[in-house]
């Protein structure tokens, strides 16, 4: 049973790439786990406020890569801390398009007008993403491991999400009244960003159980208290894994984050009535769909992976995840690989 719990700990430790993973099985006193990960994300479809996913307009494609370093440390047998630092590169590529018709009485040549008004919505952002800090305390409950966690997500000063041409105006009527002012290449901002740019504080309950069949089960439930005008969320996850032999564990998970209220409007977003229409068939503003997205996000994700114990104190994790449904988010496919190394830096019973 000790060996099973050790490997099950590795499964829940690494099941989410990008940071050390929360677990109701807290680390023993003096134990440290260092986790390094690489995650690649891609998307060509998105979810609006309602309805199924639809293509990004103008053959748009999103990609993101994250290199992250995480650390978990057991302060006592029941209390541990965790920190995570991600380095992110996110990009959005799409075909350029001309939306504004050339005025009939314009003295400007067609070539000069087109060169000055062609919109390129492609964007790249890179830098340090949201820092994560967490504290977990495992309760004395003997029936199964149960831990209380307090996690914070701290932005690092990057530019947060905005409408296609900025945070102002916040109404479609105001935007339409002054299209020539707002629909200009120099105003393009969009929401290619390293995160939501606001503070989160998330208290959660984490429960787990390791069966004699070398199977583990985990259930998480919490509230994500989001500041900066973002919608509050209820969050939850279920994870299960099965040990195969002495070195392999397979796992699967489903997780969700659901908004409880409306977030603030981040500007006017310019989408497409027909997102599959080619750029050369746009006729002025006829295919434009104006929206006012809010700082909120709902997601339901599923994933699976395999953990390979390469050394007695080191594990490799290969994972895949996919967004099944959401609101104000992209349909993302995610591939990850991570390495976790465990060390006993202070012997049990010894003074730190």
Protein backbone atom coordinates (compact mmCIF):
# COMPACT_ATOMS: atom_id res chain seq x y z
CA UNK A 1 0.00 0.00 0.00
CA UNK A 2 2.89 2.38 0.67
CA UNK A 3 4.18 1.89 -2.87
CA UNK A 4 0.71 2.35 -4.33
CA UNK A 5 0.23 5.63 -2.50
CA UNK A 6 3.64 6.86 -3.64
CA UNK A 7 2.81 6.24 -7.31
CA UNK A 8 -0.72 7.56 -6.89
CA UNK A 9 0.80 10.70 -5.45
CA UNK A 10 2.88 11.02 -8.60
CA UNK A 11 -0.26 10.68 -10.72
CA UNK A 12 -2.11 13.47 -9.00
CA UNK A 13 1.09 15.48 -8.69
CA UNK A 14 1.64 15.64 -12.43
CA UNK A 15 -1.86 15.32 -13.87
CA UNK A 16 -2.00 19.01 -14.71
CA UNK A 17 0.98 20.22 -16.70
CA UNK A 18 2.44 23.62 -16.04
CA UNK A 19 2.73 23.56 -12.25
CA UNK A 20 3.04 21.17 -9.36
CA UNK A 21 -0.40 19.63 -8.97
CA UNK A 22 -2.50 19.85 -5.84
CA UNK A 23 -3.12 16.58 -4.03
CA UNK A 24 -4.94 15.42 -0.90
CA UNK A 25 -1.86 13.24 -0.29
CA UNK A 26 0.38 15.93 1.22
CA UNK A 27 4.13 15.47 1.18
CA UNK A 28 5.94 14.23 4.30
CA UNK A 29 7.86 16.77 6.35
CA UNK A 30 11.16 17.74 4.75
CA UNK A 31 10.22 16.39 1.29
CA UNK A 32 10.52 18.56 -1.81
CA UNK A 33 9.19 17.85 -5.32
CA UNK A 34 10.51 19.92 -8.23
CA UNK A 35 8.44 19.79 -11.40
CA UNK A 36 9.45 21.13 -14.82
CA UNK A 37 6.98 21.00 -17.70
CA UNK A 38 6.41 21.95 -21.32
CA UNK A 39 2.89 22.42 -22.71
CA UNK A 40 1.80 23.06 -26.30
CA UNK A 41 -1.74 24.30 -27.00
CA UNK A 42 -3.52 24.86 -30.28
CA UNK A 43 -7.00 25.97 -31.35
CA UNK A 44 -8.82 26.91 -34.54
CA UNK A 45 -12.33 27.14 -33.05
CA UNK A 46 -13.94 29.16 -30.26
CA UNK A 47 -17.03 29.33 -28.07
CA UNK A 48 -19.12 32.49 -27.89
CA UNK A 49 -21.59 33.36 -25.11
CA UNK A 50 -23.93 30.62 -26.31
CA UNK A 51 -24.00 27.84 -28.86
CA UNK A 52 -21.51 25.29 -30.20
CA UNK A 53 -17.95 26.04 -31.21
CA UNK A 54 -17.25 27.85 -34.48
CA UNK A 55 -14.16 28.51 -36.57
CA UNK A 56 -11.97 31.50 -35.90
CA UNK A 57 -12.64 34.01 -38.70
CA UNK A 58 -10.14 34.60 -41.50
CA UNK A 59 -8.57 31.14 -41.03
CA UNK A 60 -7.41 32.13 -37.58
CA UNK A 61 -5.22 29.81 -35.50
CA UNK A 62 -4.13 30.10 -31.89
CA UNK A 63 -0.99 28.47 -30.49
CA UNK A 64 0.55 28.66 -27.07
CA UNK A 65 3.64 27.21 -25.42
CA UNK A 66 4.39 27.21 -21.71
CA UNK A 67 7.58 26.33 -19.89
CA UNK A 68 6.86 26.09 -16.19
CA UNK A 69 8.74 25.35 -13.01
CA UNK A 70 6.87 24.22 -9.91
CA UNK A 71 7.94 23.39 -6.37
CA UNK A 72 6.12 21.59 -3.58
CA UNK A 73 7.54 21.32 -0.08
CA UNK A 74 6.27 19.45 2.96
CA UNK A 75 6.59 21.66 6.04
CA UNK A 76 4.99 19.03 8.27
CA UNK A 77 3.36 15.70 7.50
CA UNK A 78 0.05 17.54 7.09
CA UNK A 79 1.08 20.94 5.78
CA UNK A 80 2.72 21.78 2.46
CA UNK A 81 3.29 24.80 0.22
CA UNK A 82 3.52 25.11 -3.54
CA UNK A 83 4.80 27.75 -5.96
CA UNK A 84 4.64 27.83 -9.76
CA UNK A 85 6.26 30.13 -12.33
CA UNK A 86 5.30 29.86 -16.04
CA UNK A 87 7.04 31.38 -19.06
CA UNK A 88 4.51 31.73 -21.89
CA UNK A 89 4.45 32.44 -25.61
CA UNK A 90 1.00 32.83 -27.18
CA UNK A 91 0.19 33.80 -30.75
CA UNK A 92 -2.80 34.27 -33.01
CA UNK A 93 -2.45 34.18 -36.79
CA UNK A 94 -5.12 35.08 -39.34
CA UNK A 95 -5.44 36.45 -42.88
CA UNK A 96 -5.37 40.25 -43.23
CA UNK A 97 -8.62 41.86 -44.33
CA UNK A 98 -9.95 45.19 -45.57
CA UNK A 99 -13.17 46.18 -43.81
CA UNK A 100 -13.69 49.85 -44.62
CA UNK A 101 -14.82 50.80 -48.15
CA UNK A 102 -12.92 53.58 -49.90
CA UNK A 103 -14.98 56.78 -49.80
CA UNK A 104 -16.27 57.73 -53.26
CA UNK A 105 -14.93 61.32 -53.05
CA UNK A 106 -11.56 60.36 -51.58
CA UNK A 107 -8.52 62.09 -53.09
CA UNK A 108 -6.34 59.21 -51.95
CA UNK A 109 -5.33 56.55 -54.46
CA UNK A 110 -6.79 53.06 -54.09
CA UNK A 111 -3.35 51.60 -53.36
CA UNK A 112 -2.61 54.13 -50.62
CA UNK A 113 -6.06 53.64 -49.07
CA UNK A 114 -5.77 49.85 -49.03
CA UNK A 115 -2.24 49.90 -47.61
CA UNK A 116 -3.35 52.26 -44.85
CA UNK A 117 -6.51 50.38 -43.89
CA UNK A 118 -5.66 46.68 -44.22
CA UNK A 119 -6.21 45.06 -40.83
CA UNK A 120 -3.91 42.33 -39.58
CA UNK A 121 -5.34 40.72 -36.44
CA UNK A 122 -2.28 38.51 -35.91
CA UNK A 123 -0.64 39.05 -32.55
CA UNK A 124 2.10 37.56 -30.35
CA UNK A 125 2.59 37.89 -26.58
CA UNK A 126 5.45 36.49 -24.53
CA UNK A 127 6.66 36.75 -20.96
CA UNK A 128 6.05 35.52 -17.43
CA UNK A 129 2.46 34.37 -16.94
CA UNK A 130 0.43 34.20 -13.74
CA UNK A 131 2.34 33.15 -10.64
CA UNK A 132 0.65 30.55 -8.45
CA UNK A 133 0.98 30.11 -4.69
CA UNK A 134 -0.83 27.47 -2.66
CA UNK A 135 -1.00 26.12 0.87
CA UNK A 136 -2.55 22.72 1.67
CA UNK A 137 -3.40 21.15 4.99
CA UNK A 138 -4.41 17.49 5.25
CA UNK A 139 -7.07 16.84 7.86
CA UNK A 140 -6.72 14.05 10.49
CA UNK A 141 -9.60 12.14 8.86
CA UNK A 142 -8.67 8.42 8.78
CA UNK A 143 -11.27 7.14 6.32
CA UNK A 144 -9.60 8.78 3.28
CA UNK A 145 -7.18 11.65 2.63
CA UNK A 146 -8.96 15.02 2.75
CA UNK A 147 -7.11 18.31 2.38
CA UNK A 148 -8.03 21.98 2.48
CA UNK A 149 -6.26 24.14 -0.08
CA UNK A 150 -5.95 27.91 -0.55
CA UNK A 151 -4.54 28.81 -3.96
CA UNK A 152 -3.81 32.24 -5.40
CA UNK A 153 -3.11 33.29 -8.99
CA UNK A 154 -1.11 36.50 -9.24
CA UNK A 155 -0.71 38.44 -12.52
CA UNK A 156 2.74 39.77 -13.38
CA UNK A 157 1.88 43.09 -15.05
CA UNK A 158 1.21 41.97 -18.62
CA UNK A 159 -1.57 43.55 -20.71
CA UNK A 160 -4.92 41.89 -19.98
CA UNK A 161 -7.64 40.96 -22.50
CA UNK A 162 -9.47 43.68 -24.43
CA UNK A 163 -11.85 44.06 -27.33
CA UNK A 164 -10.60 43.85 -30.91
CA UNK A 165 -9.82 47.57 -30.99
CA UNK A 166 -9.33 48.19 -27.27
CA UNK A 167 -11.36 48.46 -24.06
CA UNK A 168 -13.35 51.47 -25.32
CA UNK A 169 -16.11 51.82 -26.29
CA UNK A 170 -18.05 49.23 -24.33
CA UNK A 171 -21.30 49.39 -26.32
CA UNK A 172 -22.02 48.35 -29.90
CA UNK A 173 -24.00 51.55 -30.57
CA UNK A 174 -21.04 53.77 -29.64
CA UNK A 175 -18.75 51.63 -31.79
CA UNK A 176 -21.01 51.83 -34.85
CA UNK A 177 -21.41 55.60 -34.53
CA UNK A 178 -17.68 56.10 -35.11
CA UNK A 179 -16.41 53.14 -37.17
CA UNK A 180 -13.81 55.23 -39.02
CA UNK A 181 -12.25 56.20 -35.69
CA UNK A 182 -12.05 52.73 -34.16
CA UNK A 183 -11.55 50.36 -37.12
CA UNK A 184 -7.93 51.24 -37.80
CA UNK A 185 -4.80 49.06 -37.90
CA UNK A 186 -3.08 51.00 -35.12
CA UNK A 187 -6.01 50.31 -32.75
CA UNK A 188 -5.93 46.52 -33.05
CA UNK A 189 -5.46 44.92 -29.62
CA UNK A 190 -7.62 41.77 -29.40
CA UNK A 191 -7.30 39.32 -26.47
CA UNK A 192 -3.98 37.64 -27.26
CA UNK A 193 -2.65 37.85 -23.73
CA UNK A 194 -0.71 35.82 -21.18
CA UNK A 195 -3.76 35.59 -18.89
CA UNK A 196 -6.76 37.48 -17.56
CA UNK A 197 -4.57 40.04 -15.79
CA UNK A 198 -6.39 39.86 -12.45
CA UNK A 199 -5.99 38.23 -9.04
CA UNK A 200 -7.69 34.93 -8.13
CA UNK A 201 -8.09 33.41 -4.67
CA UNK A 202 -9.38 29.83 -4.71
CA UNK A 203 -10.28 27.84 -1.57
CA UNK A 204 -10.93 24.14 -2.28
CA UNK A 205 -11.51 20.75 -0.72
CA UNK A 206 -9.40 17.87 -2.11
CA UNK A 207 -10.39 14.28 -1.41
CA UNK A 208 -8.73 11.06 -2.53
CA UNK A 209 -8.67 7.34 -2.07
CA UNK A 210 -6.21 4.59 -3.03
CA UNK A 211 -7.85 1.18 -3.55
CA UNK A 212 -6.18 -2.21 -2.99
CA UNK A 213 -6.52 -2.75 -6.77
CA UNK A 214 -3.79 -0.09 -7.21
CA UNK A 215 -6.38 2.41 -8.41
CA UNK A 216 -6.66 5.97 -7.13
CA UNK A 217 -9.60 8.39 -7.22
CA UNK A 218 -9.58 12.13 -6.59
CA UNK A 219 -12.39 14.65 -6.22
CA UNK A 220 -11.89 18.44 -5.99
CA UNK A 221 -14.47 21.14 -5.30
CA UNK A 222 -13.92 24.83 -4.72
CA UNK A 223 -14.75 28.46 -5.37
CA UNK A 224 -12.59 30.73 -7.49
CA UNK A 225 -12.90 34.26 -6.09
CA UNK A 226 -11.81 36.50 -8.96
CA UNK A 227 -11.01 40.18 -8.59
CA UNK A 228 -10.65 43.00 -11.13
CA UNK A 229 -14.24 42.71 -12.37
CA UNK A 230 -13.98 39.05 -13.39
CA UNK A 231 -16.88 36.63 -12.85
CA UNK A 232 -16.74 34.37 -9.81
CA UNK A 233 -16.52 30.63 -10.53
CA UNK A 234 -17.35 27.29 -8.98
CA UNK A 235 -14.63 24.78 -9.90
CA UNK A 236 -14.45 21.02 -9.66
CA UNK A 237 -12.57 18.01 -10.98
CA UNK A 238 -12.60 14.24 -10.86
CA UNK A 239 -9.46 12.21 -11.58
CA UNK A 240 -8.79 8.50 -11.65
CA UNK A 241 -5.68 6.44 -12.28
CA UNK A 242 -4.54 2.86 -12.46
CA UNK A 243 -1.07 1.53 -11.75
CA UNK A 244 0.20 -0.99 -14.32
CA UNK A 245 3.18 -2.90 -13.04
CA UNK A 246 5.87 -1.22 -10.99
CA UNK A 247 6.66 1.76 -13.23
CA UNK A 248 3.56 2.83 -15.17
CA UNK A 249 0.39 4.64 -14.18
CA UNK A 250 -2.38 5.71 -16.56
CA UNK A 251 -4.88 8.39 -15.60
CA UNK A 252 -7.88 10.34 -16.89
CA UNK A 253 -9.68 13.43 -15.66
CA UNK A 254 -12.62 15.75 -16.22
CA UNK A 255 -12.71 19.27 -14.82
CA UNK A 256 -14.99 22.26 -15.04
CA UNK A 257 -15.09 25.96 -14.15
CA UNK A 258 -18.52 27.64 -14.29
CA UNK A 259 -19.22 31.35 -13.83
CA UNK A 260 -21.72 32.44 -11.20
CA UNK A 261 -22.22 36.05 -12.31
CA UNK A 262 -21.42 38.43 -15.15
CA UNK A 263 -17.91 39.80 -15.55
CA UNK A 264 -17.17 43.31 -16.75
CA UNK A 265 -17.27 44.13 -20.47
CA UNK A 266 -13.74 44.30 -21.92
CA UNK A 267 -14.67 46.20 -25.11
CA UNK A 268 -16.29 45.50 -28.46
CA UNK A 269 -15.15 42.38 -30.27
CA UNK A 270 -15.36 42.18 -34.05
CA UNK A 271 -16.21 38.64 -35.15
CA UNK A 272 -17.76 37.27 -38.36
CA UNK A 273 -21.31 36.30 -39.24
CA UNK A 274 -19.79 33.60 -41.46
CA UNK A 275 -16.40 32.75 -39.92
CA UNK A 276 -15.48 30.54 -42.89
CA UNK A 277 -15.80 33.37 -45.45
CA UNK A 278 -12.39 34.11 -47.12
CA UNK A 279 -10.83 37.53 -46.61
CA UNK A 280 -11.15 38.49 -50.31
CA UNK A 281 -14.94 38.02 -50.12
CA UNK A 282 -15.52 40.46 -47.27
CA UNK A 283 -17.60 43.34 -48.63
CA UNK A 284 -17.06 46.19 -46.22
CA UNK A 285 -18.77 45.56 -42.87
CA UNK A 286 -21.49 43.20 -44.19
CA UNK A 287 -19.92 40.11 -42.59
CA UNK A 288 -19.08 41.72 -39.27
CA UNK A 289 -20.62 40.42 -36.05
CA UNK A 290 -20.18 42.85 -33.17
CA UNK A 291 -20.10 41.46 -29.63
CA UNK A 292 -19.34 42.75 -26.14
CA UNK A 293 -17.39 39.93 -24.46
CA UNK A 294 -17.07 39.89 -20.70
CA UNK A 295 -14.27 38.97 -18.34
CA UNK A 296 -15.69 35.55 -17.60
CA UNK A 297 -14.99 32.03 -18.79
CA UNK A 298 -16.73 28.68 -18.52
CA UNK A 299 -14.91 25.48 -19.48
CA UNK A 300 -15.41 21.74 -19.36
CA UNK A 301 -12.19 19.86 -20.12
CA UNK A 302 -11.21 16.21 -20.30
CA UNK A 303 -7.83 14.59 -20.57
CA UNK A 304 -5.71 11.51 -20.10
CA UNK A 305 -2.09 10.59 -19.79
CA UNK A 306 0.63 8.19 -18.76
CA UNK A 307 3.21 8.47 -16.01
CA UNK A 308 6.47 6.58 -16.25
CA UNK A 309 8.70 6.14 -13.22
CA UNK A 310 12.19 6.46 -14.71
CA UNK A 311 14.06 6.47 -11.41
CA UNK A 312 12.97 5.68 -7.84
CA UNK A 313 12.46 9.40 -7.20
CA UNK A 314 11.73 10.70 -10.71
CA UNK A 315 8.65 10.46 -12.95
CA UNK A 316 7.84 11.50 -16.52
CA UNK A 317 4.28 12.51 -17.38
CA UNK A 318 2.86 12.58 -20.92
CA UNK A 319 -0.60 14.18 -21.09
CA UNK A 320 -3.31 15.31 -23.48
CA UNK A 321 -6.33 17.51 -22.77
CA UNK A 322 -9.24 18.94 -24.77
CA UNK A 323 -11.95 21.52 -24.16
CA UNK A 324 -15.35 19.88 -24.66
CA UNK A 325 -17.50 22.95 -24.04
CA UNK A 326 -17.13 26.50 -22.94
CA UNK A 327 -18.15 30.15 -23.02
CA UNK A 328 -15.82 33.02 -23.91
CA UNK A 329 -13.00 30.58 -24.60
CA UNK A 330 -11.31 28.63 -27.36
CA UNK A 331 -11.66 24.92 -28.10
CA UNK A 332 -8.12 23.98 -27.08
CA UNK A 333 -6.10 20.83 -27.64
CA UNK A 334 -3.23 20.55 -25.19
CA UNK A 335 -0.16 18.29 -25.20
CA UNK A 336 2.28 18.23 -22.30
CA UNK A 337 5.35 16.53 -20.94
CA UNK A 338 6.73 17.06 -17.47
CA UNK A 339 9.38 15.69 -15.14
CA UNK A 340 9.03 15.56 -11.37
CA UNK A 341 11.94 14.82 -9.05
CA UNK A 342 11.42 14.11 -5.37
CA UNK A 343 14.05 14.64 -2.67
CA UNK A 344 14.17 14.32 1.09
CA UNK A 345 16.00 17.48 2.12
CA UNK A 346 15.40 17.07 5.85
CA UNK A 347 15.38 13.65 7.47
CA UNK A 348 12.29 12.76 9.54
CA UNK A 349 12.84 13.70 13.16
CA UNK A 350 15.83 15.91 12.36
CA UNK A 351 15.91 19.63 13.02
CA UNK A 352 15.56 21.76 9.89
